[in-house]
Amino acid sequence: MESLGHILSGMASPQFRRRSEELAARLMNDPLVQEFRANYPELGDDQLTIGMAKLYQYVKDNRSCRQCPGLENCPNNFQGHYTKLTVEEIIGVPQLVERQVPCSRQLQHEHESAIKSRIHSFYVDERVLSEGYDEVEIMAKDSVRAPAAGTVFRYIKETRESGLKTRGLYLEGHFGTGKTFLMCYMLHELAKAGYSGVIVYMPEFVEDLKSMMQDSQKLKETVEMMKETDLLIFDDIGAENLNPWARDHVLGSILNYRMNRKPTFYTSNYSLNRLENHLGFTSKDGEESHKGQRLMDRIAPFVDVVAVGGTNKRGMS
């Protein structure tokens, strides 16, 4: 369809009247316009003539949408939206009213963006957070892991139905069995239900805390986020090289705040007993078993242990 703007730019031309009449005739005979007129028989020719530009945009947008090139390449004036026409009475006279309405692809994009905005990842590959697997596919990938996956699925279902719990899950198992993946799946699914979440890869987080000591504002914001988020996951806990400050003043502070308030989740290659031994030893002060036990008092009573079996899937396609 020829650009309306291009035609109007030729208003001074002797051919303008003929061309505008041709455009009006094409518009009025367009199936979309014919259908619209049938739906709103009260709309008179005068109102249609006044609303010619709206009709033109309505037809143009609909044609573009029928051959949609994708959201990023949307040719409509307002990307991801199309012109919707209705008729409303204004001062007793039916008139054309146009609105810009988001298309299904735009709505899906907004939905996915809202989900992503609820999840914060520290040092975990964000692609894992949006793999898009469903429950059947996850179960089929490794039957040995199926009982653990089933427990995570039940947790998701119960949270959706009954609201946020105060108990989390502790996923223990060998390297590469999919513990992190299951937790990311849980985060993504519960983000759809409106819950916020943070996942933290512990080895890199503890290392990064050293630089955060020089930036008190960043440290405060990070700790507050971990305290307040609905779902907090400490990924690969036990693999970090702890120092007393990170253990007692950062990790301890976060867990002390969250216990009995909001659920905290963990993935680890260690059992709870072995994790307590790990937390009781730091690179600076050596063995301090009482401090490890103090931290475990904020972990063990507030989680259900889930053994994750299966084969090592790292490096596999």
Protein backbone atom coordinates (compact mmCIF):
# COMPACT_ATOMS: atom_id res chain seq x y z
CA MET A 1 0.00 0.00 0.00
CA GLU A 2 1.32 3.43 -0.96
CA SER A 3 2.32 5.64 1.93
CA LEU A 4 -0.45 8.00 3.00
CA GLY A 5 2.17 10.55 3.93
CA HIS A 6 3.62 10.34 0.44
CA ILE A 7 0.22 10.99 -1.10
CA LEU A 8 -0.56 13.88 1.22
CA SER A 9 2.79 15.44 0.39
CA GLY A 10 1.46 15.95 -3.12
CA MET A 11 -1.50 18.08 -2.05
CA ALA A 12 -0.38 20.96 -4.30
CA SER A 13 -0.35 18.66 -7.34
CA PRO A 14 -3.31 18.68 -9.74
CA GLN A 15 -3.32 14.91 -9.42
CA PHE A 16 -3.83 15.02 -5.65
CA ARG A 17 -7.62 14.84 -5.71
CA ARG A 18 -7.62 11.84 -8.06
CA ARG A 19 -4.99 9.99 -6.06
CA SER A 20 -6.69 10.67 -2.73
CA GLU A 21 -9.99 9.46 -4.17
CA GLU A 22 -8.31 6.28 -5.37
CA LEU A 23 -6.79 5.71 -1.95
CA ALA A 24 -10.15 6.28 -0.27
CA ALA A 25 -11.82 3.82 -2.64
CA ARG A 26 -9.15 1.16 -2.00
CA LEU A 27 -9.52 1.64 1.74
CA MET A 28 -13.31 1.40 1.70
CA ASN A 29 -13.15 -1.77 -0.40
CA ASP A 30 -10.50 -3.42 1.77
CA PRO A 31 -11.94 -6.56 3.46
CA LEU A 32 -10.82 -5.32 6.90
CA VAL A 33 -12.65 -2.03 6.45
CA GLN A 34 -15.71 -3.80 5.05
CA GLU A 35 -15.78 -6.06 8.10
CA PHE A 36 -15.31 -3.10 10.42
CA ARG A 37 -18.20 -1.19 8.79
CA ALA A 38 -20.41 -4.25 9.12
CA ASN A 39 -19.65 -4.40 12.84
CA TYR A 40 -20.39 -0.70 13.31
CA PRO A 41 -23.25 0.20 10.92
CA GLU A 42 -23.96 3.35 12.97
CA LEU A 43 -20.73 4.91 11.68
CA GLY A 44 -21.56 7.34 8.89
CA ASP A 45 -19.56 8.19 5.78
CA ASP A 46 -18.63 11.59 7.23
CA GLN A 47 -16.95 10.00 10.24
CA LEU A 48 -15.18 7.50 7.99
CA THR A 49 -13.86 10.30 5.83
CA ILE A 50 -12.65 12.24 8.87
CA GLY A 51 -10.99 9.08 10.21
CA MET A 52 -9.34 8.13 6.92
CA ALA A 53 -5.84 8.25 8.40
CA LYS A 54 -6.91 5.95 11.25
CA LEU A 55 -8.42 3.48 8.79
CA TYR A 56 -5.26 3.57 6.71
CA GLN A 57 -3.06 2.84 9.74
CA TYR A 58 -5.45 0.09 10.87
CA VAL A 59 -5.18 -1.71 7.53
CA LYS A 60 -1.43 -1.11 7.21
CA ASP A 61 -0.69 -2.49 10.70
CA ASN A 62 -2.85 -5.54 10.16
CA ARG A 63 -1.12 -6.34 6.89
CA SER A 64 2.27 -6.06 8.59
CA CYS A 65 1.12 -8.35 11.41
CA ARG A 66 -0.09 -11.01 8.98
CA GLN A 67 3.47 -11.20 7.61
CA CYS A 68 5.19 -10.58 10.96
CA PRO A 69 8.99 -10.46 10.54
CA GLY A 70 9.54 -10.81 14.30
CA LEU A 71 9.36 -8.38 17.17
CA GLU A 72 12.80 -6.85 16.58
CA ASN A 73 11.96 -6.09 12.95
CA CYS A 74 8.39 -4.94 13.52
CA PRO A 75 7.60 -2.29 10.85
CA ASN A 76 4.64 -0.76 12.72
CA ASN A 77 4.99 2.78 14.03
CA PHE A 78 4.92 1.57 17.62
CA GLN A 79 7.06 -1.56 17.77
CA GLY A 80 5.22 -4.63 19.01
CA HIS A 81 1.84 -2.87 18.80
CA TYR A 82 -0.91 -2.61 16.21
CA THR A 83 -3.76 -0.18 15.64
CA LYS A 84 -7.11 -1.27 17.03
CA LEU A 85 -10.22 0.64 16.01
CA THR A 86 -13.46 0.99 17.94
CA VAL A 87 -16.44 3.29 17.73
CA GLU A 88 -17.48 5.48 20.64
CA GLU A 89 -20.17 8.08 20.97
CA ILE A 90 -18.71 11.53 21.55
CA ILE A 91 -21.27 14.29 22.15
CA GLY A 92 -23.91 11.95 20.80
CA VAL A 93 -22.06 11.25 17.53
CA PRO A 94 -20.39 7.87 16.80
CA GLN A 95 -16.72 8.43 16.02
CA LEU A 96 -13.65 6.35 15.22
CA VAL A 97 -11.28 5.81 18.14
CA GLU A 98 -7.85 4.26 17.66
CA ARG A 99 -5.65 2.61 20.28
CA GLN A 100 -2.21 1.04 20.11
CA VAL A 101 -2.52 -2.53 21.39
CA PRO A 102 0.40 -4.88 22.16
CA CYS A 103 0.57 -7.97 19.98
CA SER A 104 0.98 -11.50 21.35
CA ARG A 105 4.75 -11.43 20.75
CA GLN A 106 5.08 -8.13 22.61
CA LEU A 107 3.04 -9.50 25.52
CA GLN A 108 5.25 -12.59 25.63
CA HIS A 109 8.35 -10.40 25.57
CA GLU A 110 7.01 -8.28 28.43
CA HIS A 111 6.14 -11.42 30.40
CA GLU A 112 9.64 -12.86 29.94
CA SER A 113 11.24 -9.52 30.84
CA ALA A 114 9.18 -9.37 34.03
CA ILE A 115 10.36 -12.87 34.97
CA LYS A 116 14.00 -11.99 34.33
CA SER A 117 13.69 -8.80 36.38
CA ARG A 118 12.70 -10.87 39.44
CA ILE A 119 15.84 -13.02 39.30
CA HIS A 120 19.38 -11.88 40.13
CA SER A 121 22.36 -14.08 39.42
CA PHE A 122 25.78 -13.69 40.99
CA TYR A 123 28.43 -15.55 38.97
CA VAL A 124 25.96 -18.17 37.63
CA ASP A 125 25.47 -18.45 33.87
CA GLU A 126 22.10 -16.76 33.28
CA ARG A 127 21.39 -19.02 30.32
CA VAL A 128 20.75 -21.82 32.81
CA LEU A 129 17.94 -19.72 34.29
CA SER A 130 15.89 -19.79 31.09
CA GLU A 131 16.55 -23.15 29.44
CA GLY A 132 12.83 -23.70 28.97
CA TYR A 133 12.69 -27.38 29.90
CA ASP A 134 9.42 -28.81 31.19
CA GLU A 135 8.94 -31.41 33.93
CA VAL A 136 8.52 -34.36 31.56
CA GLU A 137 11.72 -33.49 29.71
CA ILE A 138 13.68 -33.08 32.94
CA MET A 139 12.44 -36.42 34.27
CA ALA A 140 13.37 -38.15 31.02
CA LYS A 141 16.94 -36.83 30.97
CA ASP A 142 18.14 -38.99 33.88
CA SER A 143 15.92 -41.50 35.68
CA VAL A 144 18.36 -41.68 38.62
CA ARG A 145 17.85 -37.96 39.24
CA ALA A 146 14.06 -38.29 38.94
CA PRO A 147 13.31 -38.58 42.72
CA ALA A 148 15.20 -35.35 43.43
CA ALA A 149 13.52 -33.61 40.51
CA GLY A 150 10.16 -34.79 41.80
CA THR A 151 10.86 -33.20 45.19
CA VAL A 152 11.72 -29.88 43.53
CA PHE A 153 8.57 -30.06 41.39
CA ARG A 154 6.45 -30.66 44.50
CA TYR A 155 8.10 -27.70 46.23
CA ILE A 156 7.23 -25.48 43.26
CA LYS A 157 3.64 -26.72 43.19
CA GLU A 158 3.11 -26.29 46.95
CA THR A 159 4.58 -22.79 46.89
CA ARG A 160 2.32 -21.77 44.03
CA GLU A 161 -0.71 -23.14 45.85
CA SER A 162 0.04 -22.21 49.47
CA GLY A 163 2.53 -19.34 49.30
CA LEU A 164 6.13 -18.88 50.36
CA LYS A 165 7.48 -21.31 52.94
CA THR A 166 10.18 -20.73 55.55
CA ARG A 167 11.96 -24.02 54.83
CA GLY A 168 14.21 -24.48 51.83
CA LEU A 169 15.97 -27.43 50.22
CA TYR A 170 19.53 -28.72 50.52
CA LEU A 171 20.55 -30.52 47.33
CA GLU A 172 23.57 -32.74 47.86
CA GLY A 173 25.26 -34.93 45.30
CA HIS A 174 28.32 -35.50 43.15
CA PHE A 175 29.69 -33.10 40.53
CA GLY A 176 27.57 -32.52 37.44
CA THR A 177 24.35 -34.25 38.49
CA GLY A 178 22.20 -31.21 37.80
CA LYS A 179 21.76 -29.67 41.25
CA THR A 180 22.28 -26.12 39.98
CA PHE A 181 20.02 -26.74 37.02
CA LEU A 182 17.18 -27.92 39.26
CA MET A 183 17.51 -24.85 41.46
CA CYS A 184 17.56 -22.53 38.44
CA TYR A 185 14.48 -24.27 37.11
CA MET A 186 12.76 -23.67 40.45
CA LEU A 187 13.73 -19.98 40.42
CA HIS A 188 12.41 -19.51 36.90
CA GLU A 189 9.13 -21.30 37.59
CA LEU A 190 8.45 -19.41 40.81
CA ALA A 191 9.43 -16.12 39.19
CA LYS A 192 6.49 -16.76 36.86
CA ALA A 193 4.32 -16.82 39.98
CA GLY A 194 5.68 -13.43 41.04
CA TYR A 195 8.44 -14.44 43.49
CA SER A 196 11.87 -12.79 43.47
CA GLY A 197 15.02 -14.86 43.62
CA VAL A 198 18.80 -14.67 43.94
CA ILE A 199 21.30 -17.40 43.09
CA VAL A 200 24.92 -17.04 44.25
CA TYR A 201 27.86 -19.16 43.14
CA MET A 202 29.70 -19.36 46.45
CA PRO A 203 33.38 -19.79 45.40
CA GLU A 204 33.38 -16.60 43.31
CA PHE A 205 31.14 -14.71 45.70
CA VAL A 206 33.52 -15.23 48.63
CA GLU A 207 36.45 -14.13 46.47
CA ASP A 208 34.56 -11.02 45.32
CA LEU A 209 33.77 -10.09 48.92
CA LYS A 210 37.41 -9.06 49.28
CA SER A 211 36.94 -6.26 46.77
CA MET A 212 33.55 -5.35 48.26
CA MET A 213 35.30 -4.55 51.54
CA GLN A 214 36.54 -1.41 49.78
CA ASP A 215 33.03 -0.51 48.58
CA SER A 216 30.76 -0.48 51.60
CA GLN A 217 27.71 0.70 49.65
CA LYS A 218 27.91 -2.16 47.16
CA LEU A 219 28.43 -4.64 50.00
CA LYS A 220 25.42 -3.28 51.88
CA GLU A 221 23.18 -3.41 48.80
CA THR A 222 24.29 -6.97 47.97
CA VAL A 223 23.71 -8.27 51.49
CA GLU A 224 20.33 -6.52 51.74
CA MET A 225 19.23 -8.04 48.45
CA MET A 226 20.15 -11.52 49.68
CA LYS A 227 18.35 -10.93 52.97
CA GLU A 228 15.14 -9.66 51.42
CA THR A 229 14.70 -11.76 48.29
CA ASP A 230 11.94 -14.36 48.42
CA LEU A 231 14.17 -17.25 47.34
CA LEU A 232 17.91 -17.35 48.00
CA ILE A 233 20.18 -20.09 46.63
CA PHE A 234 23.78 -20.62 47.71
CA ASP A 235 25.17 -22.68 44.86
CA ASP A 236 28.11 -25.03 45.46
CA ILE A 237 28.46 -24.14 49.14
CA GLY A 238 31.48 -25.91 50.59
CA ALA A 239 33.67 -25.24 47.55
CA GLU A 240 34.62 -21.72 48.68
CA ASN A 241 37.79 -20.72 50.55
CA LEU A 242 36.26 -19.09 53.63
CA ASN A 243 37.72 -16.39 55.80
CA PRO A 244 36.29 -15.48 59.23
CA TRP A 245 34.79 -12.17 58.08
CA ALA A 246 32.94 -13.73 55.10
CA ARG A 247 31.65 -16.57 57.24
CA ASP A 248 30.67 -14.74 60.44
CA HIS A 249 29.75 -11.24 59.30
CA VAL A 250 28.38 -11.79 55.80
CA LEU A 251 27.06 -15.33 55.50
CA GLY A 252 26.10 -15.48 59.16
CA SER A 253 24.27 -12.16 58.96
CA ILE A 254 22.27 -13.22 55.91
CA LEU A 255 21.26 -16.59 57.36
CA ASN A 256 20.46 -15.13 60.76
CA TYR A 257 18.04 -12.69 59.14
CA ARG A 258 16.35 -15.23 56.84
CA MET A 259 15.76 -18.11 59.25
CA ASN A 260 12.08 -18.42 60.13
CA ARG A 261 11.36 -15.67 57.59
CA LYS A 262 12.15 -16.81 54.07
CA PRO A 263 13.50 -20.02 52.51
CA THR A 264 17.16 -20.50 51.70
CA PHE A 265 18.39 -23.22 49.33
CA TYR A 266 21.75 -24.85 48.85
CA THR A 267 23.56 -27.08 46.40
CA SER A 268 26.66 -28.88 47.60
CA ASN A 269 28.92 -31.83 47.05
CA TYR A 270 29.02 -32.16 50.85
CA SER A 271 26.58 -33.74 53.25
CA LEU A 272 25.41 -31.48 56.10
CA ASN A 273 27.93 -33.09 58.47
CA ARG A 274 30.82 -32.52 56.12
CA LEU A 275 29.64 -28.98 55.45
CA GLU A 276 29.77 -28.24 59.17
CA ASN A 277 33.41 -29.35 59.24
CA HIS A 278 34.13 -27.11 56.26
CA LEU A 279 32.44 -24.09 57.83
CA GLY A 280 34.40 -24.65 61.03
CA PHE A 281 37.72 -24.09 59.26
CA THR A 282 38.98 -20.83 57.75
CA SER A 283 42.16 -19.93 55.91
CA LYS A 284 43.08 -17.40 58.61
CA ASP A 285 42.10 -18.87 61.96
CA GLY A 286 42.22 -22.59 61.20
CA GLU A 287 39.73 -24.86 62.94
CA GLU A 288 36.92 -23.21 64.90
CA SER A 289 34.33 -25.97 65.20
CA HIS A 290 32.01 -23.93 67.42
CA LYS A 291 31.67 -21.28 64.72
CA GLY A 292 30.92 -23.92 62.10
CA GLN A 293 28.25 -25.35 64.38
CA ARG A 294 26.79 -21.88 64.97
CA LEU A 295 26.36 -21.39 61.23
CA MET A 296 24.92 -24.87 60.79
CA ASP A 297 22.29 -24.03 63.41
CA ARG A 298 21.05 -21.50 60.85
CA ILE A 299 21.12 -23.99 57.98
CA ALA A 300 20.24 -27.56 58.96
CA PRO A 301 16.95 -26.94 60.85
CA PHE A 302 15.56 -24.91 57.95
CA VAL A 303 16.07 -27.26 55.00
CA ASP A 304 14.93 -30.61 53.73
CA VAL A 305 17.87 -32.65 52.42
CA VAL A 306 17.48 -33.92 48.85
CA ALA A 307 19.98 -36.46 47.51
CA VAL A 308 20.61 -35.82 43.81
CA GLY A 309 21.82 -38.92 41.99
CA GLY A 310 22.64 -39.42 38.35
CA THR A 311 25.60 -39.22 36.02
CA ASN A 312 27.96 -36.31 35.48
CA LYS A 313 26.44 -34.26 32.66
CA ARG A 314 29.06 -31.54 32.41
CA GLY A 315 30.54 -31.32 28.95
CA MET A 316 27.67 -33.32 27.51
CA SER A 317 25.39 -31.84 24.84
